[in-house]
Protein backbone atom coordinates (compact mmCIF):
# COMPACT_ATOMS: atom_id res chain seq x y z
CA UNK A 1 0.00 0.00 0.00
CA UNK A 2 2.83 2.39 0.83
CA UNK A 3 4.37 1.83 -2.62
CA UNK A 4 1.02 2.60 -4.25
CA UNK A 5 0.70 5.94 -2.44
CA UNK A 6 4.36 6.82 -3.10
CA UNK A 7 3.85 6.16 -6.83
CA UNK A 8 0.65 8.20 -6.94
CA UNK A 9 2.32 11.13 -5.17
CA UNK A 10 5.40 10.94 -7.41
CA UNK A 11 3.19 11.13 -10.50
CA UNK A 12 1.27 14.19 -9.32
CA UNK A 13 1.90 17.93 -9.08
CA UNK A 14 0.31 21.01 -7.55
CA UNK A 15 -2.90 20.90 -5.53
CA UNK A 16 -3.62 17.32 -6.63
CA UNK A 17 -0.27 16.17 -5.21
CA UNK A 18 -0.93 17.99 -1.94
CA UNK A 19 -4.40 16.41 -1.68
CA UNK A 20 -2.85 12.95 -2.03
CA UNK A 21 -0.28 13.76 0.65
CA UNK A 22 -2.95 15.17 2.99
CA UNK A 23 -5.35 12.23 2.62
CA UNK A 24 -3.08 9.21 2.26
CA UNK A 25 -3.00 8.28 5.97
CA UNK A 26 -6.80 8.47 6.41
CA UNK A 27 -7.40 6.58 3.15
CA UNK A 28 -4.88 3.89 4.08
CA UNK A 29 -6.34 3.53 7.60
CA UNK A 30 -9.88 3.22 6.21
CA UNK A 31 -8.90 0.58 3.65
CA UNK A 32 -7.15 -1.51 6.31
CA UNK A 33 -9.88 -1.02 8.94
CA UNK A 34 -12.59 -2.21 6.55
CA UNK A 35 -10.40 -4.90 4.96
CA UNK A 36 -11.15 -3.43 1.51
CA UNK A 37 -10.02 -5.29 -1.58
CA UNK A 38 -10.46 -4.62 -5.27
CA UNK A 39 -9.56 -6.21 -8.56
CA UNK A 40 -9.38 -4.37 -11.88
CA UNK A 41 -11.61 -6.06 -14.44
CA UNK A 42 -11.15 -3.56 -17.29
CA UNK A 43 -9.15 -0.37 -17.79
CA UNK A 44 -9.39 2.07 -20.70
CA UNK A 45 -8.08 5.56 -21.26
CA UNK A 46 -7.70 8.04 -24.07
CA UNK A 47 -6.16 11.39 -24.83
CA UNK A 48 -8.76 14.09 -25.43
CA UNK A 49 -6.54 17.09 -26.22
CA UNK A 50 -3.08 18.57 -25.85
CA UNK A 51 -2.68 22.33 -25.66
CA UNK A 52 0.92 23.45 -25.21
CA UNK A 53 2.15 21.79 -22.04
CA UNK A 54 -1.28 20.64 -20.81
CA UNK A 55 -2.98 17.37 -21.74
CA UNK A 56 -6.55 16.28 -21.03
CA UNK A 57 -7.36 12.58 -20.81
CA UNK A 58 -10.40 10.49 -20.01
CA UNK A 59 -10.26 7.09 -18.41
CA UNK A 60 -12.35 4.48 -16.70
CA UNK A 61 -11.79 1.46 -14.52
CA UNK A 62 -14.27 -1.34 -14.02
CA UNK A 63 -13.46 -3.13 -10.80
CA UNK A 64 -14.77 -5.74 -8.42
CA UNK A 65 -14.57 -4.69 -4.79
CA UNK A 66 -15.32 -6.23 -1.40
CA UNK A 67 -14.85 -5.21 2.22
CA UNK A 68 -16.01 -6.18 5.66
CA UNK A 69 -18.80 -3.62 5.15
CA UNK A 70 -19.86 -5.19 1.81
CA UNK A 71 -18.59 -8.79 1.63
CA UNK A 72 -20.40 -9.66 -1.61
CA UNK A 73 -18.36 -8.62 -4.68
CA UNK A 74 -19.71 -5.48 -6.31
CA UNK A 75 -18.82 -4.25 -9.78
CA UNK A 76 -18.18 -0.51 -10.03
CA UNK A 77 -17.26 1.76 -12.89
CA UNK A 78 -15.05 4.73 -12.07
CA UNK A 79 -14.72 7.32 -14.83
CA UNK A 80 -12.30 10.24 -14.55
CA UNK A 81 -11.06 13.30 -16.37
CA UNK A 82 -7.30 13.70 -15.93
CA UNK A 83 -5.29 16.87 -16.53
CA UNK A 84 -1.53 16.44 -16.88
CA UNK A 85 1.14 19.10 -17.22
CA UNK A 86 4.54 18.75 -18.83
CA UNK A 87 7.34 19.50 -16.39
CA UNK A 88 10.63 21.26 -17.26
CA UNK A 89 12.40 17.86 -17.15
CA UNK A 90 9.99 16.46 -19.78
CA UNK A 91 7.86 14.33 -17.43
CA UNK A 92 4.07 14.64 -17.52
CA UNK A 93 2.51 14.80 -14.05
CA UNK A 94 -1.16 14.74 -13.06
CA UNK A 95 -2.30 18.17 -11.89
CA UNK A 96 -6.02 17.44 -11.59
CA UNK A 97 -8.24 14.37 -11.45
CA UNK A 98 -12.02 14.66 -11.42
CA UNK A 99 -14.42 11.78 -11.08
CA UNK A 100 -17.29 11.69 -13.57
CA UNK A 101 -20.63 10.47 -12.21
CA UNK A 102 -21.50 7.06 -13.60
PDB file of N, CA and C in Angstrom:
ATOM      1  N   UNK A   1       0.827  -1.179   0.000  1.00  0.00           N
ATOM      2  CA  UNK A   1       0.000   0.000   0.000  1.00  0.00           C
ATOM      3  C   UNK A   1       0.880   1.255   0.000  1.00  0.00           C
ATOM      4  N   UNK A   2       1.955   1.225   0.774  1.00  0.00           N
ATOM      5  CA  UNK A   2       2.832   2.393   0.825  1.00  0.00           C
ATOM      6  C   UNK A   2       3.451   2.691  -0.538  1.00  0.00           C
ATOM      7  N   UNK A   3       3.806   1.635  -1.282  1.00  0.00           N
ATOM      8  CA  UNK A   3       4.371   1.827  -2.622  1.00  0.00           C
ATOM      9  C   UNK A   3       3.345   2.447  -3.562  1.00  0.00           C
ATOM     10  N   UNK A   4       2.091   2.039  -3.423  1.00  0.00           N
ATOM     11  CA  UNK A   4       1.022   2.596  -4.249  1.00  0.00           C
ATOM     12  C   UNK A   4       0.905   4.104  -4.023  1.00  0.00           C
ATOM     13  N   UNK A   5       0.823   4.512  -2.749  1.00  0.00           N
ATOM     14  CA  UNK A   5       0.700   5.937  -2.445  1.00  0.00           C
ATOM     15  C   UNK A   5       1.940   6.709  -2.882  1.00  0.00           C
ATOM     16  N   UNK A   6       3.123   6.138  -2.680  1.00  0.00           N
ATOM     17  CA  UNK A   6       4.356   6.816  -3.100  1.00  0.00           C
ATOM     18  C   UNK A   6       4.350   7.030  -4.609  1.00  0.00           C
ATOM     19  N   UNK A   7       3.921   6.030  -5.370  1.00  0.00           N
ATOM     20  CA  UNK A   7       3.853   6.162  -6.827  1.00  0.00           C
ATOM     21  C   UNK A   7       2.835   7.197  -7.260  1.00  0.00           C
ATOM     22  N   UNK A   8       1.677   7.217  -6.599  1.00  0.00           N
ATOM     23  CA  UNK A   8       0.651   8.199  -6.936  1.00  0.00           C
ATOM     24  C   UNK A   8       1.142   9.617  -6.653  1.00  0.00           C
ATOM     25  N   UNK A   9       1.801   9.802  -5.528  1.00  0.00           N
ATOM     26  CA  UNK A   9       2.318  11.126  -5.174  1.00  0.00           C
ATOM     27  C   UNK A   9       3.429  11.548  -6.128  1.00  0.00           C
ATOM     28  N   UNK A  10       4.299  10.622  -6.484  1.00  0.00           N
ATOM     29  CA  UNK A  10       5.398  10.935  -7.409  1.00  0.00           C
ATOM     30  C   UNK A  10       4.905  11.299  -8.804  1.00  0.00           C
ATOM     31  N   UNK A  11       3.708  10.840  -9.164  1.00  0.00           N
ATOM     32  CA  UNK A  11       3.187  11.127 -10.504  1.00  0.00           C
ATOM     33  C   UNK A  11       2.270  12.341 -10.534  1.00  0.00           C
ATOM     34  N   UNK A  12       2.193  13.054  -9.422  1.00  0.00           N
ATOM     35  CA  UNK A  12       1.272  14.193  -9.324  1.00  0.00           C
ATOM     36  C   UNK A  12       2.032  15.488  -9.067  1.00  0.00           C
ATOM     37  N   UNK A  13       1.330  16.601  -9.307  1.00  0.00           N
ATOM     38  CA  UNK A  13       1.903  17.927  -9.075  1.00  0.00           C
ATOM     39  C   UNK A  13       0.822  18.856  -8.545  1.00  0.00           C
ATOM     40  N   UNK A  14       1.236  19.967  -7.972  1.00  0.00           N
ATOM     41  CA  UNK A  14       0.308  21.010  -7.550  1.00  0.00           C
ATOM     42  C   UNK A  14      -0.658  20.594  -6.459  1.00  0.00           C
ATOM     43  N   UNK A  15      -1.876  21.148  -6.548  1.00  0.00           N
ATOM     44  CA  UNK A  15      -2.904  20.901  -5.533  1.00  0.00           C
ATOM     45  C   UNK A  15      -3.295  19.428  -5.472  1.00  0.00           C
ATOM     46  N   UNK A  16      -3.276  18.745  -6.621  1.00  0.00           N
ATOM     47  CA  UNK A  16      -3.621  17.322  -6.634  1.00  0.00           C
ATOM     48  C   UNK A  16      -2.600  16.528  -5.822  1.00  0.00           C
ATOM     49  N   UNK A  17      -1.330  16.836  -5.979  1.00  0.00           N
ATOM     50  CA  UNK A  17      -0.273  16.170  -5.209  1.00  0.00           C
ATOM     51  C   UNK A  17      -0.470  16.420  -3.719  1.00  0.00           C
ATOM     52  N   UNK A  18      -0.745  17.654  -3.349  1.00  0.00           N
ATOM     53  CA  UNK A  18      -0.932  17.987  -1.938  1.00  0.00           C
ATOM     54  C   UNK A  18      -2.136  17.259  -1.357  1.00  0.00           C
ATOM     55  N   UNK A  19      -3.210  17.134  -2.147  1.00  0.00           N
ATOM     56  CA  UNK A  19      -4.395  16.413  -1.680  1.00  0.00           C
ATOM     57  C   UNK A  19      -4.048  14.945  -1.397  1.00  0.00           C
ATOM     58  N   UNK A  20      -3.263  14.333  -2.264  1.00  0.00           N
ATOM     59  CA  UNK A  20      -2.852  12.945  -2.034  1.00  0.00           C
ATOM     60  C   UNK A  20      -2.028  12.831  -0.751  1.00  0.00           C
ATOM     61  N   UNK A  21      -1.115  13.759  -0.559  1.00  0.00           N
ATOM     62  CA  UNK A  21      -0.284  13.756   0.652  1.00  0.00           C
ATOM     63  C   UNK A  21      -1.162  13.920   1.890  1.00  0.00           C
ATOM     64  N   UNK A  22      -2.104  14.864   1.834  1.00  0.00           N
ATOM     65  CA  UNK A  22      -2.945  15.168   2.992  1.00  0.00           C
ATOM     66  C   UNK A  22      -3.911  14.045   3.352  1.00  0.00           C
ATOM     67  N   UNK A  23      -4.324  13.244   2.373  1.00  0.00           N
ATOM     68  CA  UNK A  23      -5.354  12.230   2.622  1.00  0.00           C
ATOM     69  C   UNK A  23      -4.840  10.797   2.654  1.00  0.00           C
ATOM     70  N   UNK A  24      -3.557  10.586   2.364  1.00  0.00           N
ATOM     71  CA  UNK A  24      -3.075   9.211   2.255  1.00  0.00           C
ATOM     72  C   UNK A  24      -3.213   8.417   3.558  1.00  0.00           C
ATOM     73  N   UNK A  25      -2.913   9.002   4.690  1.00  0.00           N
ATOM     74  CA  UNK A  25      -2.996   8.277   5.966  1.00  0.00           C
ATOM     75  C   UNK A  25      -4.434   7.860   6.262  1.00  0.00           C
ATOM     76  N   UNK A  26      -5.393   8.785   6.136  1.00  0.00           N
ATOM     77  CA  UNK A  26      -6.795   8.467   6.414  1.00  0.00           C
ATOM     78  C   UNK A  26      -7.326   7.425   5.433  1.00  0.00           C
ATOM     79  N   UNK A  27      -6.956   7.554   4.156  1.00  0.00           N
ATOM     80  CA  UNK A  27      -7.402   6.584   3.148  1.00  0.00           C
ATOM     81  C   UNK A  27      -6.832   5.205   3.461  1.00  0.00           C
ATOM     82  N   UNK A  28      -5.547   5.151   3.744  1.00  0.00           N
ATOM     83  CA  UNK A  28      -4.883   3.886   4.082  1.00  0.00           C
ATOM     84  C   UNK A  28      -5.528   3.257   5.318  1.00  0.00           C
ATOM     85  N   UNK A  29      -5.735   4.049   6.363  1.00  0.00           N
ATOM     86  CA  UNK A  29      -6.339   3.535   7.597  1.00  0.00           C
ATOM     87  C   UNK A  29      -7.736   2.983   7.341  1.00  0.00           C
ATOM     88  N   UNK A  30      -8.531   3.681   6.520  1.00  0.00           N
ATOM     89  CA  UNK A  30      -9.884   3.224   6.207  1.00  0.00           C
ATOM     90  C   UNK A  30      -9.847   1.898   5.442  1.00  0.00           C
ATOM     91  N   UNK A  31      -8.981   1.809   4.452  1.00  0.00           N
ATOM     92  CA  UNK A  31      -8.895   0.584   3.649  1.00  0.00           C
ATOM     93  C   UNK A  31      -8.497  -0.608   4.508  1.00  0.00           C
ATOM     94  N   UNK A  32      -7.560  -0.415   5.422  1.00  0.00           N
ATOM     95  CA  UNK A  32      -7.154  -1.506   6.311  1.00  0.00           C
ATOM     96  C   UNK A  32      -8.235  -1.823   7.342  1.00  0.00           C
ATOM     97  N   UNK A  33      -8.863  -0.801   7.912  1.00  0.00           N
ATOM     98  CA  UNK A  33      -9.884  -1.015   8.937  1.00  0.00           C
ATOM     99  C   UNK A  33     -11.089  -1.774   8.399  1.00  0.00           C
ATOM    100  N   UNK A  34     -11.429  -1.540   7.138  1.00  0.00           N
ATOM    101  CA  UNK A  34     -12.594  -2.209   6.546  1.00  0.00           C
ATOM    102  C   UNK A  34     -12.202  -3.444   5.736  1.00  0.00           C
ATOM    103  N   UNK A  35     -10.897  -3.751   5.708  1.00  0.00           N
ATOM    104  CA  UNK A  35     -10.403  -4.903   4.959  1.00  0.00           C
ATOM    105  C   UNK A  35     -10.862  -4.834   3.497  1.00  0.00           C
ATOM    106  N   UNK A  36     -10.712  -3.657   2.895  1.00  0.00           N
ATOM    107  CA  UNK A  36     -11.153  -3.426   1.515  1.00  0.00           C
ATOM    108  C   UNK A  36     -10.203  -4.073   0.519  1.00  0.00           C
ATOM    109  N   UNK A  37     -10.786  -4.668  -0.513  1.00  0.00           N
ATOM    110  CA  UNK A  37     -10.015  -5.292  -1.580  1.00  0.00           C
ATOM    111  C   UNK A  37     -10.693  -4.980  -2.915  1.00  0.00           C
ATOM    112  N   UNK A  38      -9.888  -4.840  -3.946  1.00  0.00           N
ATOM    113  CA  UNK A  38     -10.461  -4.615  -5.269  1.00  0.00           C
ATOM    114  C   UNK A  38      -9.602  -5.298  -6.319  1.00  0.00           C
ATOM    115  N   UNK A  39     -10.244  -5.591  -7.431  1.00  0.00           N
ATOM    116  CA  UNK A  39      -9.562  -6.212  -8.561  1.00  0.00           C
ATOM    117  C   UNK A  39     -10.016  -5.497  -9.833  1.00  0.00           C
ATOM    118  N   UNK A  40      -9.057  -5.035 -10.620  1.00  0.00           N
ATOM    119  CA  UNK A  40      -9.383  -4.372 -11.882  1.00  0.00           C
ATOM    120  C   UNK A  40      -9.871  -5.419 -12.878  1.00  0.00           C
ATOM    121  N   UNK A  41     -11.032  -5.174 -13.432  1.00  0.00           N
ATOM    122  CA  UNK A  41     -11.615  -6.058 -14.443  1.00  0.00           C
ATOM    123  C   UNK A  41     -11.298  -5.519 -15.840  1.00  0.00           C
ATOM    124  N   UNK A  42     -11.386  -4.202 -15.982  1.00  0.00           N
ATOM    125  CA  UNK A  42     -11.152  -3.564 -17.286  1.00  0.00           C
ATOM    126  C   UNK A  42     -10.638  -2.150 -17.057  1.00  0.00           C
ATOM    127  N   UNK A  43      -9.709  -1.715 -17.892  1.00  0.00           N
ATOM    128  CA  UNK A  43      -9.147  -0.370 -17.793  1.00  0.00           C
ATOM    129  C   UNK A  43      -8.998   0.200 -19.193  1.00  0.00           C
ATOM    130  N   UNK A  44      -9.511   1.395 -19.403  1.00  0.00           N
ATOM    131  CA  UNK A  44      -9.386   2.070 -20.697  1.00  0.00           C
ATOM    132  C   UNK A  44      -9.112   3.545 -20.473  1.00  0.00           C
ATOM    133  N   UNK A  45      -8.323   4.121 -21.350  1.00  0.00           N
ATOM    134  CA  UNK A  45      -8.078   5.559 -21.262  1.00  0.00           C
ATOM    135  C   UNK A  45      -7.803   6.103 -22.658  1.00  0.00           C
ATOM    136  N   UNK A  46      -7.943   7.399 -22.787  1.00  0.00           N
ATOM    137  CA  UNK A  46      -7.697   8.044 -24.066  1.00  0.00           C
ATOM    138  C   UNK A  46      -7.308   9.489 -23.877  1.00  0.00           C
ATOM    139  N   UNK A  47      -6.584   9.996 -24.839  1.00  0.00           N
ATOM    140  CA  UNK A  47      -6.161  11.392 -24.829  1.00  0.00           C
ATOM    141  C   UNK A  47      -7.220  12.214 -25.532  1.00  0.00           C
ATOM    142  N   UNK A  48      -7.713  13.238 -24.865  1.00  0.00           N
ATOM    143  CA  UNK A  48      -8.761  14.088 -25.431  1.00  0.00           C
ATOM    144  C   UNK A  48      -8.164  15.270 -26.190  1.00  0.00           C
ATOM    145  N   UNK A  49      -7.134  15.910 -25.579  1.00  0.00           N
ATOM    146  CA  UNK A  49      -6.536  17.088 -26.218  1.00  0.00           C
ATOM    147  C   UNK A  49      -5.194  17.408 -25.574  1.00  0.00           C
ATOM    148  N   UNK A  50      -4.328  18.015 -26.355  1.00  0.00           N
ATOM    149  CA  UNK A  50      -3.079  18.571 -25.845  1.00  0.00           C
ATOM    150  C   UNK A  50      -3.016  20.019 -26.313  1.00  0.00           C
ATOM    151  N   UNK A  51      -2.827  20.916 -25.359  1.00  0.00           N
ATOM    152  CA  UNK A  51      -2.678  22.331 -25.662  1.00  0.00           C
ATOM    153  C   UNK A  51      -1.400  22.801 -24.994  1.00  0.00           C
ATOM    154  N   UNK A  52      -0.364  23.029 -25.784  1.00  0.00           N
ATOM    155  CA  UNK A  52       0.916  23.447 -25.215  1.00  0.00           C
ATOM    156  C   UNK A  52       1.482  22.392 -24.286  1.00  0.00           C
ATOM    157  N   UNK A  53       1.581  22.728 -23.021  1.00  0.00           N
ATOM    158  CA  UNK A  53       2.150  21.795 -22.041  1.00  0.00           C
ATOM    159  C   UNK A  53       1.078  21.177 -21.139  1.00  0.00           C
ATOM    160  N   UNK A  54      -0.178  21.211 -21.580  1.00  0.00           N
ATOM    161  CA  UNK A  54      -1.282  20.637 -20.810  1.00  0.00           C
ATOM    162  C   UNK A  54      -2.012  19.599 -21.662  1.00  0.00           C
ATOM    163  N   UNK A  55      -2.256  18.445 -21.059  1.00  0.00           N
ATOM    164  CA  UNK A  55      -2.983  17.368 -21.742  1.00  0.00           C
ATOM    165  C   UNK A  55      -4.230  17.017 -20.938  1.00  0.00           C
ATOM    166  N   UNK A  56      -5.297  16.678 -21.648  1.00  0.00           N
ATOM    167  CA  UNK A  56      -6.553  16.275 -21.034  1.00  0.00           C
ATOM    168  C   UNK A  56      -6.856  14.849 -21.472  1.00  0.00           C
ATOM    169  N   UNK A  57      -7.047  13.974 -20.511  1.00  0.00           N
ATOM    170  CA  UNK A  57      -7.358  12.582 -20.809  1.00  0.00           C
ATOM    171  C   UNK A  57      -8.623  12.148 -20.105  1.00  0.00           C
ATOM    172  N   UNK A  58      -9.199  11.073 -20.603  1.00  0.00           N
ATOM    173  CA  UNK A  58     -10.397  10.488 -20.007  1.00  0.00           C
ATOM    174  C   UNK A  58     -10.116   9.006 -19.816  1.00  0.00           C
ATOM    175  N   UNK A  59     -10.497   8.498 -18.665  1.00  0.00           N
ATOM    176  CA  UNK A  59     -10.259   7.089 -18.407  1.00  0.00           C
ATOM    177  C   UNK A  59     -11.362   6.488 -17.569  1.00  0.00           C
ATOM    178  N   UNK A  60     -11.435   5.149 -17.611  1.00  0.00           N
ATOM    179  CA  UNK A  60     -12.353   4.481 -16.704  1.00  0.00           C
ATOM    180  C   UNK A  60     -11.797   3.131 -16.296  1.00  0.00           C
ATOM    181  N   UNK A  61     -12.190   2.740 -15.092  1.00  0.00           N
ATOM    182  CA  UNK A  61     -11.794   1.463 -14.522  1.00  0.00           C
ATOM    183  C   UNK A  61     -13.055   0.739 -14.087  1.00  0.00           C
ATOM    184  N   UNK A  62     -13.208  -0.480 -14.540  1.00  0.00           N
ATOM    185  CA  UNK A  62     -14.268  -1.340 -14.021  1.00  0.00           C
ATOM    186  C   UNK A  62     -13.585  -2.270 -13.030  1.00  0.00           C
ATOM    187  N   UNK A  63     -14.117  -2.303 -11.801  1.00  0.00           N
ATOM    188  CA  UNK A  63     -13.465  -3.127 -10.798  1.00  0.00           C
ATOM    189  C   UNK A  63     -14.473  -3.887  -9.954  1.00  0.00           C
ATOM    190  N   UNK A  64     -14.007  -4.973  -9.382  1.00  0.00           N
ATOM    191  CA  UNK A  64     -14.774  -5.739  -8.420  1.00  0.00           C
ATOM    192  C   UNK A  64     -14.202  -5.405  -7.051  1.00  0.00           C
ATOM    193  N   UNK A  65     -15.068  -5.056  -6.112  1.00  0.00           N
ATOM    194  CA  UNK A  65     -14.570  -4.692  -4.788  1.00  0.00           C
ATOM    195  C   UNK A  65     -15.388  -5.373  -3.698  1.00  0.00           C
ATOM    196  N   UNK A  66     -14.701  -5.663  -2.592  1.00  0.00           N
ATOM    197  CA  UNK A  66     -15.322  -6.226  -1.403  1.00  0.00           C
ATOM    198  C   UNK A  66     -14.686  -5.581  -0.181  1.00  0.00           C
ATOM    199  N   UNK A  67     -15.380  -5.676   0.940  1.00  0.00           N
ATOM    200  CA  UNK A  67     -14.849  -5.207   2.217  1.00  0.00           C
ATOM    201  C   UNK A  67     -15.656  -5.877   3.316  1.00  0.00           C
ATOM    202  N   UNK A  68     -15.230  -5.657   4.545  1.00  0.00           N
ATOM    203  CA  UNK A  68     -16.014  -6.178   5.661  1.00  0.00           C
ATOM    204  C   UNK A  68     -17.397  -5.542   5.700  1.00  0.00           C
ATOM    205  N   UNK A  69     -17.515  -4.322   5.174  1.00  0.00           N
ATOM    206  CA  UNK A  69     -18.800  -3.623   5.146  1.00  0.00           C
ATOM    207  C   UNK A  69     -19.705  -4.147   4.043  1.00  0.00           C
ATOM    208  N   UNK A  70     -19.116  -4.665   2.956  1.00  0.00           N
ATOM    209  CA  UNK A  70     -19.864  -5.195   1.807  1.00  0.00           C
ATOM    210  C   UNK A  70     -19.142  -6.435   1.299  1.00  0.00           C
ATOM    211  N   UNK A  71     -19.355  -7.583   1.963  1.00  0.00           N
ATOM    212  CA  UNK A  71     -18.590  -8.788   1.630  1.00  0.00           C
ATOM    213  C   UNK A  71     -18.910  -9.423   0.274  1.00  0.00           C
ATOM    214  N   UNK A  72     -20.077  -9.116  -0.294  1.00  0.00           N
ATOM    215  CA  UNK A  72     -20.399  -9.660  -1.612  1.00  0.00           C
ATOM    216  C   UNK A  72     -19.749  -8.798  -2.683  1.00  0.00           C
ATOM    217  N   UNK A  73     -19.038  -9.416  -3.639  1.00  0.00           N
ATOM    218  CA  UNK A  73     -18.361  -8.623  -4.676  1.00  0.00           C
ATOM    219  C   UNK A  73     -19.333  -7.697  -5.414  1.00  0.00           C
ATOM    220  N   UNK A  74     -18.909  -6.465  -5.581  1.00  0.00           N
ATOM    221  CA  UNK A  74     -19.711  -5.478  -6.308  1.00  0.00           C
ATOM    222  C   UNK A  74     -18.881  -4.930  -7.457  1.00  0.00           C
ATOM    223  N   UNK A  75     -19.492  -4.847  -8.640  1.00  0.00           N
ATOM    224  CA  UNK A  75     -18.821  -4.246  -9.783  1.00  0.00           C
ATOM    225  C   UNK A  75     -19.092  -2.746  -9.780  1.00  0.00           C
ATOM    226  N   UNK A  76     -18.039  -1.965  -9.942  1.00  0.00           N
ATOM    227  CA  UNK A  76     -18.182  -0.514 -10.027  1.00  0.00           C
ATOM    228  C   UNK A  76     -17.430  -0.012 -11.247  1.00  0.00           C
ATOM    229  N   UNK A  77     -17.904   1.101 -11.775  1.00  0.00           N
ATOM    230  CA  UNK A  77     -17.260   1.761 -12.892  1.00  0.00           C
ATOM    231  C   UNK A  77     -16.857   3.152 -12.422  1.00  0.00           C
ATOM    232  N   UNK A  78     -15.571   3.435 -12.489  1.00  0.00           N
ATOM    233  CA  UNK A  78     -15.051   4.730 -12.068  1.00  0.00           C
ATOM    234  C   UNK A  78     -14.525   5.435 -13.311  1.00  0.00           C
ATOM    235  N   UNK A  79     -15.146   6.539 -13.671  1.00  0.00           N
ATOM    236  CA  UNK A  79     -14.720   7.319 -14.829  1.00  0.00           C
ATOM    237  C   UNK A  79     -14.101   8.623 -14.347  1.00  0.00           C
ATOM    238  N   UNK A  80     -13.007   9.028 -14.980  1.00  0.00           N
ATOM    239  CA  UNK A  80     -12.304  10.236 -14.551  1.00  0.00           C
ATOM    240  C   UNK A  80     -11.840  11.076 -15.734  1.00  0.00           C
ATOM    241  N   UNK A  81     -11.716  12.368 -15.454  1.00  0.00           N
ATOM    242  CA  UNK A  81     -11.058  13.300 -16.371  1.00  0.00           C
ATOM    243  C   UNK A  81      -9.731  13.647 -15.723  1.00  0.00           C
ATOM    244  N   UNK A  82      -8.644  13.486 -16.458  1.00  0.00           N
ATOM    245  CA  UNK A  82      -7.304  13.705 -15.926  1.00  0.00           C
ATOM    246  C   UNK A  82      -6.637  14.841 -16.688  1.00  0.00           C
ATOM    247  N   UNK A  83      -6.089  15.796 -15.937  1.00  0.00           N
ATOM    248  CA  UNK A  83      -5.289  16.868 -16.527  1.00  0.00           C
ATOM    249  C   UNK A  83      -3.837  16.613 -16.145  1.00  0.00           C
ATOM    250  N   UNK A  84      -2.959  16.621 -17.128  1.00  0.00           N
ATOM    251  CA  UNK A  84      -1.528  16.442 -16.883  1.00  0.00           C
ATOM    252  C   UNK A  84      -0.771  17.635 -17.451  1.00  0.00           C
ATOM    253  N   UNK A  85       0.329  17.971 -16.785  1.00  0.00           N
ATOM    254  CA  UNK A  85       1.135  19.104 -17.225  1.00  0.00           C
ATOM    255  C   UNK A  85       2.576  18.645 -17.437  1.00  0.00           C
ATOM    256  N   UNK A  86       3.152  19.094 -18.554  1.00  0.00           N
ATOM    257  CA  UNK A  86       4.540  18.752 -18.832  1.00  0.00           C
ATOM    258  C   UNK A  86       5.448  19.560 -17.904  1.00  0.00           C
ATOM    259  N   UNK A  87       6.400  18.870 -17.306  1.00  0.00           N
ATOM    260  CA  UNK A  87       7.343  19.502 -16.394  1.00  0.00           C
ATOM    261  C   UNK A  87       8.600  19.919 -17.161  1.00  0.00           C
ATOM    262  N   UNK A  88       9.406  20.826 -16.587  1.00  0.00           N
ATOM    263  CA  UNK A  88      10.633  21.264 -17.260  1.00  0.00           C
ATOM    264  C   UNK A  88      11.579  20.116 -17.623  1.00  0.00           C
ATOM    265  N   UNK A  89      11.521  19.009 -16.859  1.00  0.00           N
ATOM    266  CA  UNK A  89      12.397  17.863 -17.146  1.00  0.00           C
ATOM    267  C   UNK A  89      11.792  16.900 -18.176  1.00  0.00           C
ATOM    268  N   UNK A  90      10.611  17.269 -18.734  1.00  0.00           N
ATOM    269  CA  UNK A  90       9.990  16.458 -19.780  1.00  0.00           C
ATOM    270  C   UNK A  90       8.960  15.460 -19.275  1.00  0.00           C
ATOM    271  N   UNK A  91       8.868  15.251 -17.964  1.00  0.00           N
ATOM    272  CA  UNK A  91       7.857  14.331 -17.428  1.00  0.00           C
ATOM    273  C   UNK A  91       6.484  14.987 -17.472  1.00  0.00           C
ATOM    274  N   UNK A  92       5.446  14.168 -17.590  1.00  0.00           N
ATOM    275  CA  UNK A  92       4.067  14.637 -17.524  1.00  0.00           C
ATOM    276  C   UNK A  92       3.502  14.177 -16.185  1.00  0.00           C
ATOM    277  N   UNK A  93       3.053  15.124 -15.364  1.00  0.00           N
ATOM    278  CA  UNK A  93       2.507  14.805 -14.052  1.00  0.00           C
ATOM    279  C   UNK A  93       1.047  15.225 -13.975  1.00  0.00           C
ATOM    280  N   UNK A  94       0.272  14.471 -13.221  1.00  0.00           N
ATOM    281  CA  UNK A  94      -1.164  14.739 -13.060  1.00  0.00           C
ATOM    282  C   UNK A  94      -1.346  15.948 -12.158  1.00  0.00           C
ATOM    283  N   UNK A  95      -2.043  16.959 -12.669  1.00  0.00           N
ATOM    284  CA  UNK A  95      -2.296  18.168 -11.887  1.00  0.00           C
ATOM    285  C   UNK A  95      -3.748  18.242 -11.400  1.00  0.00           C
ATOM    286  N   UNK A  96      -4.629  17.451 -12.009  1.00  0.00           N
ATOM    287  CA  UNK A  96      -6.023  17.438 -11.587  1.00  0.00           C
ATOM    288  C   UNK A  96      -6.659  16.124 -12.010  1.00  0.00           C
ATOM    289  N   UNK A  97      -7.518  15.609 -11.157  1.00  0.00           N
ATOM    290  CA  UNK A  97      -8.237  14.370 -11.448  1.00  0.00           C
ATOM    291  C   UNK A  97      -9.643  14.557 -10.922  1.00  0.00           C
ATOM    292  N   UNK A  98     -10.620  14.472 -11.817  1.00  0.00           N
ATOM    293  CA  UNK A  98     -12.020  14.659 -11.421  1.00  0.00           C
ATOM    294  C   UNK A  98     -12.817  13.426 -11.793  1.00  0.00           C
ATOM    295  N   UNK A  99     -13.566  12.938 -10.843  1.00  0.00           N
ATOM    296  CA  UNK A  99     -14.421  11.780 -11.078  1.00  0.00           C
ATOM    297  C   UNK A  99     -15.669  12.220 -11.811  1.00  0.00           C
ATOM    298  N   UNK A 100     -16.053  11.465 -12.824  1.00  0.00           N
ATOM    299  CA  UNK A 100     -17.287  11.690 -13.566  1.00  0.00           C
ATOM    300  C   UNK A 100     -18.357  10.787 -12.972  1.00  0.00           C
ATOM    301  N   UNK A 101     -19.536  11.307 -12.731  1.00  0.00           N
ATOM    302  CA  UNK A 101     -20.625  10.474 -12.214  1.00  0.00           C
ATOM    303  C   UNK A 101     -20.956   9.394 -13.227  1.00  0.00           C
ATOM    304  N   UNK A 102     -21.129   8.177 -12.719  1.00  0.00           N
ATOM    305  CA  UNK A 102     -21.499   7.056 -13.600  1.00  0.00           C
ATOM    306  C   UNK A 102     -22.758   6.392 -13.122  1.00  0.00           C
TER     307      UNK A 102
END
